[in-house]
Every structure is written in structure tokens, then in C-alpha cells.
Amino acid sequence: MSKKHVYLSFRTTPKNQKNLNEIKSKYDLTIGEIIHRMISTFAESEDAKKTIDKLMK
């Protein structure tokens, strides 16, 4: 796991916060680490462009 040097802050919905907290409890990860892994997985996937195109519709 690499050291993160950039601070990022954003808003989300209560539903997304609940989901993140459930993942946090289940896997003993920080919310920052969960989001970092989600972004990395998305960026490295072969379908990233397809997924973002779908999100933007």
C-alpha cells in the first residue's frame, strides 16, 4: 500500500456514507482506503470509458 500525499474532500449522500461505513466495519479499512481502492480499480479496469459514458447519460 503506497503512502497517499494528496488530501481530497467531497460530499456524498447518506446512503453512500452508510455503504462506506458497512464496508469499513466488515473489512477494517479506513473510508479513505476504501475510496482509494475503488478509484484505482475503476481506473485500471478495461471498461472505465464504457462505465463513465454510462454514468454521464
N, C-alpha and C. Protein backbone atom coordinates (compact mmCIF):
# COMPACT_ATOMS: atom_id res chain seq x y z
N MET A 1 0.85 -1.17 0.00
CA MET A 1 0.00 0.00 0.00
C MET A 1 0.90 1.24 0.00
N SER A 2 0.68 2.13 -0.94
CA SER A 2 1.52 3.31 -1.05
C SER A 2 1.02 4.43 -0.16
N LYS A 3 1.93 5.31 0.22
CA LYS A 3 1.56 6.46 1.03
C LYS A 3 0.85 7.47 0.16
N LYS A 4 -0.25 7.98 0.68
CA LYS A 4 -1.03 8.97 -0.07
C LYS A 4 -0.60 10.37 0.35
N HIS A 5 -0.39 11.25 -0.62
CA HIS A 5 0.11 12.58 -0.33
C HIS A 5 -0.90 13.69 -0.62
N VAL A 6 -2.03 13.34 -1.19
CA VAL A 6 -3.00 14.35 -1.61
C VAL A 6 -4.24 14.24 -0.74
N TYR A 7 -4.67 15.37 -0.18
CA TYR A 7 -5.90 15.41 0.61
C TYR A 7 -7.06 15.70 -0.32
N LEU A 8 -8.14 14.94 -0.18
CA LEU A 8 -9.32 15.10 -1.01
C LEU A 8 -10.54 15.12 -0.12
N SER A 9 -11.42 16.07 -0.35
CA SER A 9 -12.65 16.18 0.43
C SER A 9 -13.82 16.31 -0.53
N PHE A 10 -14.92 15.62 -0.23
CA PHE A 10 -16.09 15.70 -1.10
C PHE A 10 -17.35 15.40 -0.30
N ARG A 11 -18.48 15.69 -0.89
CA ARG A 11 -19.78 15.41 -0.27
C ARG A 11 -20.39 14.19 -0.93
N THR A 12 -21.22 13.48 -0.16
CA THR A 12 -21.92 12.33 -0.69
C THR A 12 -23.29 12.22 -0.01
N THR A 13 -24.04 11.23 -0.38
CA THR A 13 -25.37 11.04 0.19
C THR A 13 -25.29 10.18 1.46
N PRO A 14 -26.31 10.27 2.30
CA PRO A 14 -26.34 9.39 3.49
C PRO A 14 -26.28 7.90 3.11
N LYS A 15 -26.91 7.54 1.99
CA LYS A 15 -26.89 6.14 1.54
C LYS A 15 -25.46 5.70 1.22
N ASN A 16 -24.71 6.53 0.50
CA ASN A 16 -23.32 6.19 0.18
C ASN A 16 -22.47 6.13 1.44
N GLN A 17 -22.71 7.04 2.37
CA GLN A 17 -21.97 7.04 3.63
C GLN A 17 -22.25 5.75 4.41
N LYS A 18 -23.50 5.33 4.42
CA LYS A 18 -23.88 4.08 5.10
C LYS A 18 -23.15 2.89 4.47
N ASN A 19 -23.14 2.85 3.14
CA ASN A 19 -22.44 1.76 2.44
C ASN A 19 -20.95 1.75 2.76
N LEU A 20 -20.33 2.93 2.77
CA LEU A 20 -18.90 3.01 3.09
C LEU A 20 -18.64 2.56 4.52
N ASN A 21 -19.50 2.96 5.45
CA ASN A 21 -19.33 2.55 6.85
C ASN A 21 -19.50 1.05 7.02
N GLU A 22 -20.40 0.45 6.26
CA GLU A 22 -20.57 -1.01 6.32
C GLU A 22 -19.32 -1.73 5.82
N ILE A 23 -18.75 -1.23 4.72
CA ILE A 23 -17.51 -1.81 4.20
C ILE A 23 -16.39 -1.63 5.21
N LYS A 24 -16.32 -0.43 5.80
CA LYS A 24 -15.30 -0.12 6.80
C LYS A 24 -15.36 -1.11 7.96
N SER A 25 -16.56 -1.37 8.46
CA SER A 25 -16.72 -2.30 9.58
C SER A 25 -16.37 -3.73 9.20
N LYS A 26 -16.80 -4.13 8.03
CA LYS A 26 -16.60 -5.52 7.60
C LYS A 26 -15.13 -5.84 7.32
N TYR A 27 -14.40 -4.90 6.71
CA TYR A 27 -13.04 -5.18 6.27
C TYR A 27 -11.96 -4.45 7.06
N ASP A 28 -12.36 -3.69 8.08
CA ASP A 28 -11.41 -2.96 8.92
C ASP A 28 -10.48 -2.07 8.09
N LEU A 29 -11.07 -1.30 7.18
CA LEU A 29 -10.34 -0.33 6.36
C LEU A 29 -10.85 1.06 6.68
N THR A 30 -10.01 2.06 6.46
CA THR A 30 -10.49 3.43 6.59
C THR A 30 -11.34 3.77 5.37
N ILE A 31 -12.20 4.76 5.52
CA ILE A 31 -13.02 5.18 4.38
C ILE A 31 -12.12 5.70 3.26
N GLY A 32 -11.06 6.40 3.62
CA GLY A 32 -10.11 6.86 2.60
C GLY A 32 -9.50 5.72 1.81
N GLU A 33 -9.14 4.63 2.50
CA GLU A 33 -8.55 3.48 1.82
C GLU A 33 -9.58 2.80 0.92
N ILE A 34 -10.82 2.72 1.37
CA ILE A 34 -11.89 2.13 0.55
C ILE A 34 -12.06 2.93 -0.74
N ILE A 35 -12.16 4.24 -0.61
CA ILE A 35 -12.35 5.10 -1.79
C ILE A 35 -11.13 5.01 -2.70
N HIS A 36 -9.94 5.00 -2.12
CA HIS A 36 -8.70 4.87 -2.91
C HIS A 36 -8.73 3.58 -3.74
N ARG A 37 -9.11 2.48 -3.11
CA ARG A 37 -9.16 1.19 -3.81
C ARG A 37 -10.24 1.19 -4.88
N MET A 38 -11.39 1.82 -4.59
CA MET A 38 -12.47 1.88 -5.59
C MET A 38 -12.02 2.66 -6.82
N ILE A 39 -11.39 3.81 -6.60
CA ILE A 39 -10.92 4.64 -7.72
C ILE A 39 -9.85 3.89 -8.51
N SER A 40 -8.91 3.27 -7.82
CA SER A 40 -7.85 2.53 -8.51
C SER A 40 -8.42 1.40 -9.35
N THR A 41 -9.36 0.65 -8.78
CA THR A 41 -9.97 -0.46 -9.51
C THR A 41 -10.70 0.05 -10.74
N PHE A 42 -11.45 1.13 -10.58
CA PHE A 42 -12.18 1.72 -11.70
C PHE A 42 -11.21 2.18 -12.79
N ALA A 43 -10.16 2.89 -12.39
CA ALA A 43 -9.21 3.43 -13.36
C ALA A 43 -8.45 2.34 -14.11
N GLU A 44 -8.20 1.22 -13.44
CA GLU A 44 -7.43 0.14 -14.06
C GLU A 44 -8.29 -0.84 -14.85
N SER A 45 -9.60 -0.72 -14.73
CA SER A 45 -10.48 -1.66 -15.43
C SER A 45 -10.46 -1.39 -16.93
N GLU A 46 -10.72 -2.42 -17.68
CA GLU A 46 -10.75 -2.27 -19.13
C GLU A 46 -12.00 -1.54 -19.60
N ASP A 47 -12.99 -1.45 -18.74
CA ASP A 47 -14.26 -0.84 -19.11
C ASP A 47 -14.46 0.55 -18.52
N ALA A 48 -13.38 1.22 -18.09
CA ALA A 48 -13.51 2.52 -17.45
C ALA A 48 -14.24 3.52 -18.36
N LYS A 49 -13.87 3.59 -19.63
CA LYS A 49 -14.52 4.53 -20.55
C LYS A 49 -16.00 4.17 -20.72
N LYS A 50 -16.29 2.90 -20.87
CA LYS A 50 -17.67 2.45 -21.03
C LYS A 50 -18.50 2.82 -19.78
N THR A 51 -17.92 2.62 -18.61
CA THR A 51 -18.62 2.93 -17.37
C THR A 51 -18.87 4.42 -17.23
N ILE A 52 -17.87 5.25 -17.51
CA ILE A 52 -18.05 6.70 -17.38
C ILE A 52 -19.04 7.20 -18.40
N ASP A 53 -19.03 6.64 -19.61
CA ASP A 53 -20.02 7.02 -20.62
C ASP A 53 -21.43 6.71 -20.13
N LYS A 54 -21.60 5.57 -19.49
CA LYS A 54 -22.90 5.18 -18.94
C LYS A 54 -23.32 6.13 -17.82
N LEU A 55 -22.38 6.51 -16.96
CA LEU A 55 -22.68 7.42 -15.86
C LEU A 55 -23.09 8.81 -16.34
N MET A 56 -22.56 9.22 -17.48
CA MET A 56 -22.80 10.57 -17.98
C MET A 56 -24.10 10.70 -18.77
N LYS A 57 -24.81 9.60 -18.99
CA LYS A 57 -26.08 9.66 -19.74
C LYS A 57 -27.18 10.20 -18.88
